[in-house]
C-alpha cells in the first residue's frame, strides 16, 4: 500500500529540487569559465603540446558529462516508474565513473568509487530497488535526479582541477608583497562541497610581513586577524569516523617548509 505524503513533505522536495537546479546552473557556468581560463593559460605559454593535450582532455570530460546528463534527462522523460528510473540511473552513473577512472587514471586524482555499488546476491538489485522505492513520489524522485546531475558536475570539477583548470592567475610578487600594506587572502578551490571519501584540495595565498627581520604570517577574515577556520560536514554511516586536514606553509625563498597534519576523531551514534 502506498501512502501519499502530506503537502509540506512534497513542498520540501520541491524546494530541494529548485535549490539543486540552481546549483547545477551555477556549477555549469563555473566549469565553463574554468575551461576558458585553461585555454587562455595554454595560449599564454605558447600552446605547447602538454597544454593543448590538457585542454583537449578538459573538453572531453566536459562534453562527456553533458551527454550523461542528457541521458539522465531522457530516462526521466521516458519512464514514470521510480524503480525503472533508478535502475537505469544506477547503470548510467556507474558506467560513467568507470570511464572516468580509466580515461584519467594517469592523473594524480582520487580514485572515484562507484556511486551505486550494491551487493547483487541477496537481495538482487531489482529486489533492492523495489523494496526501497515502491512509494517514491514524483517530487522526491526529481530531487534525487537533480542530486545525481550535480554529482556529475562534481566529478567533472575534480578532473578539471587535476588538469590545471583551477590554478590561480596571479603574480607571485602580488601574492607575497614585501611591505607593510595588507593584501587579501586568495583561495582557489574546485568545488564548494565534497562527497564522503573524496579528497578536498585548495590553494591558499595570504599576506606576509617583514617585521624585525622575521617573516610573520597573518590571516584576515572580515578585516580582523584570525587563525581559526570552520569545517562543517555530515557523515551518514554510524560508527567511529575521523576527518583529516593537512596544512602546508613555506617561505618564498623555500628555506622553511612545514606541513601540519590534524586528525579529528568522532563517533556517529
Protein backbone atom coordinates (compact mmCIF):
# COMPACT_ATOMS: atom_id res chain seq x y z
CA UNK A 1 0.00 0.00 0.00
CA UNK A 2 1.42 3.41 -0.96
CA UNK A 3 0.92 6.43 1.28
CA UNK A 4 0.73 9.96 -0.10
CA UNK A 5 2.96 12.29 1.91
CA UNK A 6 1.46 15.48 3.32
CA UNK A 7 1.67 18.70 1.33
CA UNK A 8 4.53 20.01 3.46
CA UNK A 9 6.56 16.90 2.61
CA UNK A 10 6.04 17.46 -1.11
CA UNK A 11 6.89 21.14 -0.74
CA UNK A 12 10.19 20.29 0.94
CA UNK A 13 11.28 18.15 -2.01
CA UNK A 14 10.16 20.82 -4.48
CA UNK A 15 12.27 23.41 -2.67
CA UNK A 16 15.22 20.99 -2.59
CA UNK A 17 14.89 20.33 -6.31
CA UNK A 18 14.80 24.07 -7.06
CA UNK A 19 17.90 24.65 -4.95
CA UNK A 20 19.79 21.79 -6.61
CA UNK A 21 18.83 23.02 -10.08
CA UNK A 22 20.21 26.46 -9.23
CA UNK A 23 23.42 24.81 -8.03
CA UNK A 24 23.61 22.87 -11.30
CA UNK A 25 23.20 26.06 -13.31
CA UNK A 26 25.89 27.89 -11.31
CA UNK A 27 28.26 24.92 -11.43
CA UNK A 28 27.92 24.61 -15.21
CA UNK A 29 28.79 28.28 -15.67
CA UNK A 30 31.72 27.95 -13.26
CA UNK A 31 33.15 24.93 -15.08
CA UNK A 32 32.73 26.57 -18.50
CA UNK A 33 34.70 29.55 -17.21
CA UNK A 34 37.37 27.21 -15.83
CA UNK A 35 37.91 25.67 -19.27
CA UNK A 36 38.06 29.13 -20.86
CA UNK A 37 40.69 30.11 -18.31
CA UNK A 38 42.65 26.95 -19.06
CA UNK A 39 42.52 27.76 -22.78
CA UNK A 40 43.82 31.27 -22.11
CA UNK A 41 46.56 29.89 -19.87
CA UNK A 42 47.67 27.39 -22.53
CA UNK A 43 47.75 30.14 -25.17
CA UNK A 44 49.70 32.38 -22.80
CA UNK A 45 52.51 29.82 -22.73
CA UNK A 46 52.62 29.32 -26.49
CA UNK A 47 50.10 26.49 -26.98
CA UNK A 48 52.60 23.82 -26.08
CA UNK A 49 51.92 20.14 -26.63
CA UNK A 50 51.27 19.41 -22.96
CA UNK A 51 48.94 22.38 -22.59
CA UNK A 52 46.93 21.51 -25.70
CA UNK A 53 46.66 17.91 -24.50
CA UNK A 54 45.29 19.04 -21.14
CA UNK A 55 42.83 21.36 -22.87
CA UNK A 56 41.64 18.56 -25.16
CA UNK A 57 41.08 16.26 -22.20
CA UNK A 58 39.27 19.02 -20.31
CA UNK A 59 36.88 19.49 -23.22
CA UNK A 60 36.40 15.72 -23.42
CA UNK A 61 35.26 15.38 -19.82
CA UNK A 62 33.01 18.40 -20.31
CA UNK A 63 31.29 17.01 -23.42
CA UNK A 64 31.00 13.50 -21.96
CA UNK A 65 29.48 14.85 -18.75
CA UNK A 66 26.89 16.77 -20.76
CA UNK A 67 25.98 13.61 -22.70
CA UNK A 68 25.47 11.68 -19.46
CA UNK A 69 23.36 14.49 -18.03
CA UNK A 70 21.21 14.42 -21.16
CA UNK A 71 20.88 10.66 -20.74
CA UNK A 72 19.52 11.21 -17.22
CA UNK A 73 17.02 13.75 -18.53
CA UNK A 74 15.92 11.25 -21.18
CA UNK A 75 15.50 8.48 -18.61
CA UNK A 76 13.32 10.77 -16.52
CA UNK A 77 11.28 11.77 -19.57
CA UNK A 78 10.69 8.25 -20.90
CA UNK A 79 9.79 6.49 -17.66
CA UNK A 80 7.24 7.13 -14.95
CA UNK A 81 8.03 4.22 -12.65
CA UNK A 82 10.61 5.19 -10.00
CA UNK A 83 12.00 1.64 -9.86
CA UNK A 84 12.86 1.62 -13.58
CA UNK A 85 14.24 5.17 -13.49
CA UNK A 86 16.56 4.42 -10.60
CA UNK A 87 17.81 1.15 -12.05
CA UNK A 88 18.72 2.87 -15.32
CA UNK A 89 20.34 5.79 -13.50
CA UNK A 90 22.44 3.34 -11.46
CA UNK A 91 23.76 1.77 -14.65
CA UNK A 92 24.50 5.10 -16.37
CA UNK A 93 26.22 6.65 -13.34
CA UNK A 94 28.36 3.59 -12.62
CA UNK A 95 29.39 3.31 -16.27
CA UNK A 96 30.40 6.98 -16.32
CA UNK A 97 32.50 6.68 -13.17
CA UNK A 98 34.26 3.60 -14.57
CA UNK A 99 35.02 5.57 -17.75
CA UNK A 100 36.41 8.50 -15.75
CA UNK A 101 38.69 6.22 -13.74
CA UNK A 102 40.05 4.58 -16.89
CA UNK A 103 40.31 7.68 -19.11
CA UNK A 104 42.02 9.81 -16.45
CA UNK A 105 43.86 7.14 -14.49
CA UNK A 106 47.18 8.91 -15.14
CA UNK A 107 46.09 12.00 -13.20
CA UNK A 108 47.04 12.36 -9.55
CA UNK A 109 43.38 12.44 -8.52
CA UNK A 110 41.44 10.31 -6.03
CA UNK A 111 40.01 7.10 -7.45
CA UNK A 112 36.27 7.58 -7.83
CA UNK A 113 34.24 4.86 -6.13
CA UNK A 114 31.09 3.60 -7.80
CA UNK A 115 28.17 5.72 -6.58
CA UNK A 116 25.80 2.74 -6.57
CA UNK A 117 27.82 -0.31 -5.61
CA UNK A 118 25.13 -2.57 -4.14
CA UNK A 119 25.57 -6.26 -3.34
CA UNK A 120 23.90 -8.22 -6.13
CA UNK A 121 23.46 -11.52 -4.30
CA UNK A 122 20.73 -11.35 -1.67
CA UNK A 123 18.62 -9.41 -2.36
CA UNK A 124 19.09 -8.80 -6.08
CA UNK A 125 19.44 -5.23 -7.33
CA UNK A 126 15.89 -5.37 -8.70
CA UNK A 127 14.54 -6.58 -5.37
CA UNK A 128 16.53 -3.92 -3.53
CA UNK A 129 15.11 -1.13 -5.68
CA UNK A 130 11.56 -2.49 -5.46
CA UNK A 131 11.79 -2.80 -1.68
CA UNK A 132 13.06 0.71 -1.06
CA UNK A 133 11.43 2.75 -3.80
CA UNK A 134 7.91 1.40 -4.35
CA UNK A 135 6.49 4.50 -2.65
CA UNK A 136 8.87 7.07 -4.14
CA UNK A 137 6.97 10.23 -5.01
CA UNK A 138 7.44 12.31 -8.15
CA UNK A 139 8.79 15.23 -6.12
CA UNK A 140 11.37 13.14 -4.26
CA UNK A 141 12.42 11.39 -7.48
CA UNK A 142 13.01 14.71 -9.27
CA UNK A 143 15.09 15.96 -6.33
CA UNK A 144 17.10 12.72 -6.34
CA UNK A 145 17.76 13.03 -10.09
CA UNK A 146 18.89 16.63 -9.64
CA UNK A 147 21.32 15.41 -6.99
CA UNK A 148 22.77 12.87 -9.44
CA UNK A 149 23.24 15.55 -12.11
CA UNK A 150 25.05 17.73 -9.58
CA UNK A 151 27.27 14.75 -8.73
CA UNK A 152 28.25 14.51 -12.41
CA UNK A 153 29.47 18.11 -12.30
CA UNK A 154 31.38 17.33 -9.12
CA UNK A 155 33.26 14.53 -10.90
CA UNK A 156 33.98 16.89 -13.79
CA UNK A 157 35.32 19.56 -11.45
CA UNK A 158 37.69 17.05 -9.85
CA UNK A 159 39.11 16.04 -13.23
CA UNK A 160 39.43 19.67 -14.36
CA UNK A 161 41.24 20.55 -11.17
CA UNK A 162 43.92 17.94 -11.77
CA UNK A 163 44.20 19.09 -15.38
CA UNK A 164 45.15 22.52 -14.10
CA UNK A 165 41.94 24.39 -14.90
CA UNK A 166 41.67 25.99 -11.45
CA UNK A 167 45.22 27.21 -10.92
CA UNK A 168 45.28 30.89 -9.93
CA UNK A 169 46.30 33.51 -12.48
CA UNK A 170 48.23 35.74 -10.08
CA UNK A 171 51.63 37.34 -9.91
CA UNK A 172 53.80 35.90 -7.15
CA UNK A 173 55.05 39.39 -6.31
CA UNK A 174 51.44 40.41 -5.71
CA UNK A 175 50.61 37.30 -3.73
CA UNK A 176 53.57 37.84 -1.41
CA UNK A 177 54.16 41.61 -1.10
CA UNK A 178 57.23 42.50 0.91
CA UNK A 179 55.83 45.59 2.56
CA UNK A 180 53.51 46.56 5.37
CA UNK A 181 50.46 47.09 3.16
CA UNK A 182 47.93 44.29 3.72
CA UNK A 183 46.56 42.21 0.85
CA UNK A 184 43.55 39.85 0.99
CA UNK A 185 43.69 36.09 1.14
CA UNK A 186 43.34 34.36 -2.20
CA UNK A 187 41.83 30.87 -2.11
CA UNK A 188 41.18 28.75 -5.18
CA UNK A 189 39.13 25.58 -4.87
CA UNK A 190 37.48 23.31 -7.45
CA UNK A 191 34.22 22.82 -5.58
CA UNK A 192 32.22 24.05 -2.61
CA UNK A 193 31.22 20.56 -1.43
CA UNK A 194 32.89 17.19 -1.04
CA UNK A 195 31.49 13.66 -1.13
CA UNK A 196 32.42 11.33 1.73
CA UNK A 197 35.65 9.55 0.87
CA UNK A 198 36.91 12.18 -1.58
CA UNK A 199 39.88 14.49 -1.04
CA UNK A 200 39.33 18.25 -0.96
CA UNK A 201 42.27 20.37 -2.14
CA UNK A 202 42.53 24.15 -2.27
CA UNK A 203 45.39 26.57 -2.88
CA UNK A 204 45.74 29.48 -0.47
CA UNK A 205 47.92 32.59 -0.63
CA UNK A 206 47.94 35.07 2.21
CA UNK A 207 49.70 38.24 3.29
CA UNK A 208 53.27 38.23 4.61
CA UNK A 209 55.08 40.93 6.57
CA UNK A 210 58.72 41.62 7.31
CA UNK A 211 58.93 42.63 10.95
CA UNK A 212 62.16 42.78 12.97
CA UNK A 213 63.85 40.56 10.39
CA UNK A 214 61.22 37.83 10.90
CA UNK A 215 58.58 36.58 8.50
CA UNK A 216 55.16 36.84 10.12
CA UNK A 217 52.11 35.28 8.51
CA UNK A 218 48.65 36.61 9.31
CA UNK A 219 45.20 35.57 8.15
CA UNK A 220 42.37 38.06 7.84
CA UNK A 221 38.63 37.43 8.00
CA UNK A 222 36.15 40.34 7.88
CA UNK A 223 39.11 42.71 8.31
CA UNK A 224 40.10 41.01 11.56
CA UNK A 225 43.13 38.84 12.19
CA UNK A 226 42.15 35.26 12.89
CA UNK A 227 43.82 31.90 12.97
CA UNK A 228 40.64 29.87 13.08
CA UNK A 229 38.65 28.19 10.35
CA UNK A 230 35.39 26.28 10.36
CA UNK A 231 34.58 22.97 8.70
CA UNK A 232 31.03 21.67 8.50
CA UNK A 233 30.35 18.13 7.35
CA UNK A 234 27.74 15.41 7.56
CA UNK A 235 28.56 11.69 7.59
CA UNK A 236 25.60 9.29 7.35
CA UNK A 237 27.25 5.98 8.38
CA UNK A 238 27.23 5.22 12.08
CA UNK A 239 30.33 4.22 13.97
CA UNK A 240 33.78 5.65 14.57
CA UNK A 241 34.88 8.19 11.97
CA UNK A 242 37.59 10.81 11.51
CA UNK A 243 38.47 13.67 9.22
CA UNK A 244 42.00 14.73 8.42
CA UNK A 245 43.31 18.15 7.43
CA UNK A 246 46.81 18.94 6.16
CA UNK A 247 48.19 22.48 6.13
CA UNK A 248 51.44 23.25 4.34
CA UNK A 249 53.16 26.62 4.54
CA UNK A 250 56.56 27.79 3.36
CA UNK A 251 58.55 30.97 2.84
CA UNK A 252 59.11 32.42 -0.62
CA UNK A 253 62.81 31.54 -0.56
CA UNK A 254 61.93 27.93 0.28
CA UNK A 255 64.10 27.85 3.40
CA UNK A 256 61.19 26.88 5.63
CA UNK A 257 58.67 24.26 4.54
CA UNK A 258 56.33 22.85 7.16
CA UNK A 259 53.31 20.54 6.98
CA UNK A 260 50.86 20.26 9.84
CA UNK A 261 48.54 17.24 9.99
CA UNK A 262 45.44 17.41 12.14
CA UNK A 263 43.08 14.48 12.71
CA UNK A 264 39.76 14.79 14.48
CA UNK A 265 38.14 11.57 15.69
CA UNK A 266 34.43 11.31 16.43
CA UNK A 267 31.67 8.74 16.63
CA UNK A 268 28.29 8.81 14.90
CA UNK A 269 25.68 7.12 17.10
